Amino acid sequence: MSDRIPYNTIVACKLGDEEALKTILKHYEPLIVEASKKKMVAGKGVVTYVVDEDVKAYIISELTMAIMMKYDPTRIPRKKKQL
């Protein structure tokens, strides 16, 4: 996973471009899957982790809403200061 999503992709998503949204969700998919995992214990004490699809859908929904409702494309992001 690369560090950054191109600014133009985020702006396009904000403006309703579905392909841009898919690009963003694909970028964050490993993190979304990891955050959606749920511990399951089988009958003999075997522990496995499964993706809780409801939690995954909730995270995707919240990310989409944050982009659509909170992100301001008129505010150009500042570059991080080099240490």
N, C-alpha and C. Protein backbone atom coordinates (compact mmCIF):
# COMPACT_ATOMS: atom_id res chain seq x y z
N MET A 1 0.85 -1.17 0.00
CA MET A 1 0.00 0.00 0.00
C MET A 1 0.90 1.23 0.00
N SER A 2 0.67 2.09 -0.97
CA SER A 2 1.46 3.32 -1.00
C SER A 2 0.99 4.25 0.11
N ASP A 3 1.83 5.23 0.42
CA ASP A 3 1.55 6.11 1.54
C ASP A 3 0.36 7.04 1.32
N ARG A 4 0.23 7.55 0.10
CA ARG A 4 -0.74 8.61 -0.11
C ARG A 4 -1.66 8.32 -1.29
N ILE A 5 -2.87 8.82 -1.16
CA ILE A 5 -3.82 8.81 -2.26
C ILE A 5 -3.66 10.14 -2.98
N PRO A 6 -3.59 10.15 -4.31
CA PRO A 6 -3.45 11.42 -5.02
C PRO A 6 -4.58 12.39 -4.68
N TYR A 7 -4.21 13.63 -4.50
CA TYR A 7 -5.17 14.69 -4.16
C TYR A 7 -6.31 14.73 -5.17
N ASN A 8 -6.00 14.59 -6.45
CA ASN A 8 -7.03 14.65 -7.49
C ASN A 8 -8.05 13.51 -7.34
N THR A 9 -7.61 12.38 -6.87
CA THR A 9 -8.51 11.25 -6.65
C THR A 9 -9.50 11.57 -5.53
N ILE A 10 -9.02 12.17 -4.46
CA ILE A 10 -9.90 12.53 -3.34
C ILE A 10 -10.91 13.58 -3.77
N VAL A 11 -10.46 14.58 -4.53
CA VAL A 11 -11.37 15.62 -5.01
C VAL A 11 -12.41 15.01 -5.94
N ALA A 12 -11.98 14.12 -6.83
CA ALA A 12 -12.93 13.46 -7.73
C ALA A 12 -13.97 12.66 -6.95
N CYS A 13 -13.54 12.00 -5.90
CA CYS A 13 -14.47 11.24 -5.05
C CYS A 13 -15.48 12.19 -4.40
N LYS A 14 -14.98 13.29 -3.88
CA LYS A 14 -15.84 14.29 -3.25
C LYS A 14 -16.91 14.79 -4.22
N LEU A 15 -16.54 14.86 -5.51
CA LEU A 15 -17.46 15.34 -6.53
C LEU A 15 -18.35 14.24 -7.10
N GLY A 16 -18.24 13.02 -6.54
CA GLY A 16 -19.15 11.95 -6.90
C GLY A 16 -18.63 10.91 -7.87
N ASP A 17 -17.35 10.91 -8.16
CA ASP A 17 -16.77 9.93 -9.08
C ASP A 17 -16.67 8.57 -8.39
N GLU A 18 -17.43 7.60 -8.88
CA GLU A 18 -17.47 6.28 -8.25
C GLU A 18 -16.14 5.53 -8.38
N GLU A 19 -15.45 5.72 -9.49
CA GLU A 19 -14.15 5.07 -9.68
C GLU A 19 -13.13 5.60 -8.67
N ALA A 20 -13.20 6.89 -8.38
CA ALA A 20 -12.30 7.47 -7.38
C ALA A 20 -12.60 6.87 -6.00
N LEU A 21 -13.86 6.70 -5.69
CA LEU A 21 -14.23 6.09 -4.41
C LEU A 21 -13.71 4.66 -4.34
N LYS A 22 -13.85 3.91 -5.42
CA LYS A 22 -13.33 2.53 -5.45
C LYS A 22 -11.82 2.51 -5.24
N THR A 23 -11.12 3.49 -5.83
CA THR A 23 -9.67 3.58 -5.66
C THR A 23 -9.30 3.82 -4.20
N ILE A 24 -10.03 4.71 -3.56
CA ILE A 24 -9.77 5.01 -2.15
C ILE A 24 -10.07 3.80 -1.26
N LEU A 25 -11.20 3.14 -1.51
CA LEU A 25 -11.55 1.97 -0.71
C LEU A 25 -10.54 0.84 -0.93
N LYS A 26 -10.05 0.67 -2.15
CA LYS A 26 -9.04 -0.35 -2.41
C LYS A 26 -7.75 -0.02 -1.67
N HIS A 27 -7.40 1.26 -1.62
CA HIS A 27 -6.20 1.71 -0.91
C HIS A 27 -6.28 1.33 0.58
N TYR A 28 -7.44 1.53 1.16
CA TYR A 28 -7.61 1.28 2.60
C TYR A 28 -8.12 -0.13 2.93
N GLU A 29 -8.34 -0.96 1.93
CA GLU A 29 -8.91 -2.28 2.17
C GLU A 29 -8.16 -3.12 3.20
N PRO A 30 -6.83 -3.19 3.15
CA PRO A 30 -6.14 -4.00 4.17
C PRO A 30 -6.40 -3.50 5.60
N LEU A 31 -6.46 -2.20 5.78
CA LEU A 31 -6.74 -1.66 7.12
C LEU A 31 -8.18 -1.91 7.53
N ILE A 32 -9.10 -1.78 6.57
CA ILE A 32 -10.52 -2.02 6.86
C ILE A 32 -10.74 -3.48 7.25
N VAL A 33 -10.13 -4.39 6.51
CA VAL A 33 -10.27 -5.82 6.81
C VAL A 33 -9.69 -6.13 8.19
N GLU A 34 -8.53 -5.60 8.47
CA GLU A 34 -7.90 -5.85 9.78
C GLU A 34 -8.77 -5.32 10.92
N ALA A 35 -9.34 -4.15 10.74
CA ALA A 35 -10.19 -3.55 11.78
C ALA A 35 -11.52 -4.28 11.91
N SER A 36 -11.91 -5.04 10.90
CA SER A 36 -13.20 -5.74 10.89
C SER A 36 -13.12 -7.17 11.42
N LYS A 37 -11.91 -7.62 11.75
CA LYS A 37 -11.76 -9.01 12.19
C LYS A 37 -12.34 -9.24 13.57
N LYS A 38 -12.90 -10.43 13.70
CA LYS A 38 -13.55 -10.84 14.94
C LYS A 38 -12.99 -12.20 15.35
N LYS A 39 -12.69 -12.34 16.62
CA LYS A 39 -12.13 -13.60 17.14
C LYS A 39 -13.25 -14.62 17.32
N MET A 40 -13.02 -15.82 16.79
CA MET A 40 -14.00 -16.91 16.93
C MET A 40 -13.27 -18.10 17.56
N VAL A 41 -13.92 -18.73 18.52
CA VAL A 41 -13.34 -19.90 19.18
C VAL A 41 -14.21 -21.11 18.85
N ALA A 42 -13.58 -22.13 18.26
CA ALA A 42 -14.29 -23.35 17.90
C ALA A 42 -14.48 -24.23 19.13
N GLY A 43 -15.19 -25.32 18.96
CA GLY A 43 -15.51 -26.22 20.06
C GLY A 43 -14.32 -26.74 20.83
N LYS A 44 -13.22 -26.99 20.18
CA LYS A 44 -12.04 -27.55 20.85
C LYS A 44 -11.04 -26.46 21.23
N GLY A 45 -11.49 -25.22 21.27
CA GLY A 45 -10.62 -24.13 21.67
C GLY A 45 -9.75 -23.57 20.57
N VAL A 46 -10.03 -23.97 19.33
CA VAL A 46 -9.26 -23.47 18.19
C VAL A 46 -9.72 -22.03 17.90
N VAL A 47 -8.76 -21.12 17.88
CA VAL A 47 -9.06 -19.71 17.66
C VAL A 47 -8.84 -19.36 16.20
N THR A 48 -9.84 -18.74 15.59
CA THR A 48 -9.70 -18.23 14.23
C THR A 48 -10.24 -16.81 14.22
N TYR A 49 -9.85 -16.07 13.19
CA TYR A 49 -10.33 -14.71 13.03
C TYR A 49 -11.09 -14.62 11.71
N VAL A 50 -12.27 -14.06 11.77
CA VAL A 50 -13.09 -13.90 10.57
C VAL A 50 -13.47 -12.42 10.43
N VAL A 51 -13.72 -12.02 9.20
CA VAL A 51 -14.13 -10.64 8.94
C VAL A 51 -15.61 -10.51 9.24
N ASP A 52 -15.94 -9.58 10.11
CA ASP A 52 -17.34 -9.27 10.42
C ASP A 52 -17.82 -8.31 9.33
N GLU A 53 -18.65 -8.81 8.43
CA GLU A 53 -19.08 -8.03 7.27
C GLU A 53 -19.89 -6.79 7.68
N ASP A 54 -20.61 -6.86 8.79
CA ASP A 54 -21.36 -5.69 9.27
C ASP A 54 -20.41 -4.58 9.71
N VAL A 55 -19.36 -4.95 10.42
CA VAL A 55 -18.37 -3.97 10.86
C VAL A 55 -17.65 -3.39 9.65
N LYS A 56 -17.30 -4.24 8.70
CA LYS A 56 -16.62 -3.79 7.48
C LYS A 56 -17.50 -2.79 6.72
N ALA A 57 -18.77 -3.10 6.57
CA ALA A 57 -19.70 -2.19 5.87
C ALA A 57 -19.82 -0.87 6.62
N TYR A 58 -19.82 -0.92 7.95
CA TYR A 58 -19.91 0.30 8.75
C TYR A 58 -18.67 1.18 8.54
N ILE A 59 -17.49 0.57 8.55
CA ILE A 59 -16.26 1.33 8.36
C ILE A 59 -16.25 1.97 6.97
N ILE A 60 -16.64 1.21 5.96
CA ILE A 60 -16.69 1.75 4.60
C ILE A 60 -17.67 2.91 4.52
N SER A 61 -18.81 2.75 5.16
CA SER A 61 -19.82 3.82 5.17
C SER A 61 -19.29 5.08 5.85
N GLU A 62 -18.62 4.91 6.98
CA GLU A 62 -18.08 6.07 7.70
C GLU A 62 -16.97 6.77 6.91
N LEU A 63 -16.12 5.99 6.26
CA LEU A 63 -15.06 6.57 5.44
C LEU A 63 -15.67 7.36 4.28
N THR A 64 -16.65 6.77 3.62
CA THR A 64 -17.31 7.44 2.50
C THR A 64 -17.98 8.73 2.96
N MET A 65 -18.67 8.68 4.07
CA MET A 65 -19.35 9.88 4.59
C MET A 65 -18.34 10.95 5.00
N ALA A 66 -17.21 10.55 5.56
CA ALA A 66 -16.19 11.52 5.95
C ALA A 66 -15.65 12.25 4.73
N ILE A 67 -15.44 11.51 3.64
CA ILE A 67 -14.97 12.14 2.42
C ILE A 67 -16.03 13.06 1.85
N MET A 68 -17.25 12.58 1.78
CA MET A 68 -18.32 13.33 1.13
C MET A 68 -18.78 14.54 1.96
N MET A 69 -18.79 14.41 3.26
CA MET A 69 -19.37 15.46 4.10
C MET A 69 -18.34 16.37 4.77
N LYS A 70 -17.18 15.84 5.12
CA LYS A 70 -16.24 16.62 5.91
C LYS A 70 -15.04 17.15 5.13
N TYR A 71 -14.66 16.47 4.06
CA TYR A 71 -13.46 16.87 3.33
C TYR A 71 -13.73 18.16 2.55
N ASP A 72 -12.85 19.12 2.65
CA ASP A 72 -12.98 20.40 1.96
C ASP A 72 -11.95 20.48 0.83
N PRO A 73 -12.40 20.28 -0.43
CA PRO A 73 -11.45 20.27 -1.54
C PRO A 73 -10.86 21.65 -1.86
N THR A 74 -11.43 22.70 -1.31
CA THR A 74 -10.89 24.04 -1.57
C THR A 74 -9.69 24.34 -0.68
N ARG A 75 -9.50 23.54 0.35
CA ARG A 75 -8.36 23.72 1.25
C ARG A 75 -7.25 22.78 0.80
N ILE A 76 -6.23 23.34 0.22
CA ILE A 76 -5.12 22.54 -0.27
C ILE A 76 -4.31 22.03 0.93
N PRO A 77 -4.05 20.72 0.96
CA PRO A 77 -3.32 20.17 2.09
C PRO A 77 -1.90 20.71 2.18
N ARG A 78 -1.46 20.92 3.41
CA ARG A 78 -0.09 21.38 3.65
C ARG A 78 0.86 20.21 3.57
N LYS A 79 2.05 20.48 3.11
CA LYS A 79 3.07 19.44 3.09
C LYS A 79 3.62 19.25 4.50
N LYS A 80 3.96 18.02 4.81
CA LYS A 80 4.54 17.72 6.11
C LYS A 80 5.93 18.33 6.19
N LYS A 81 6.27 18.83 7.35
CA LYS A 81 7.61 19.38 7.55
C LYS A 81 8.61 18.24 7.66
N GLN A 82 9.75 18.44 7.04
CA GLN A 82 10.83 17.46 7.11
C GLN A 82 11.58 17.66 8.43
N LEU A 83 11.82 16.57 9.12
CA LEU A 83 12.56 16.65 10.39
C LEU A 83 14.03 16.51 10.18
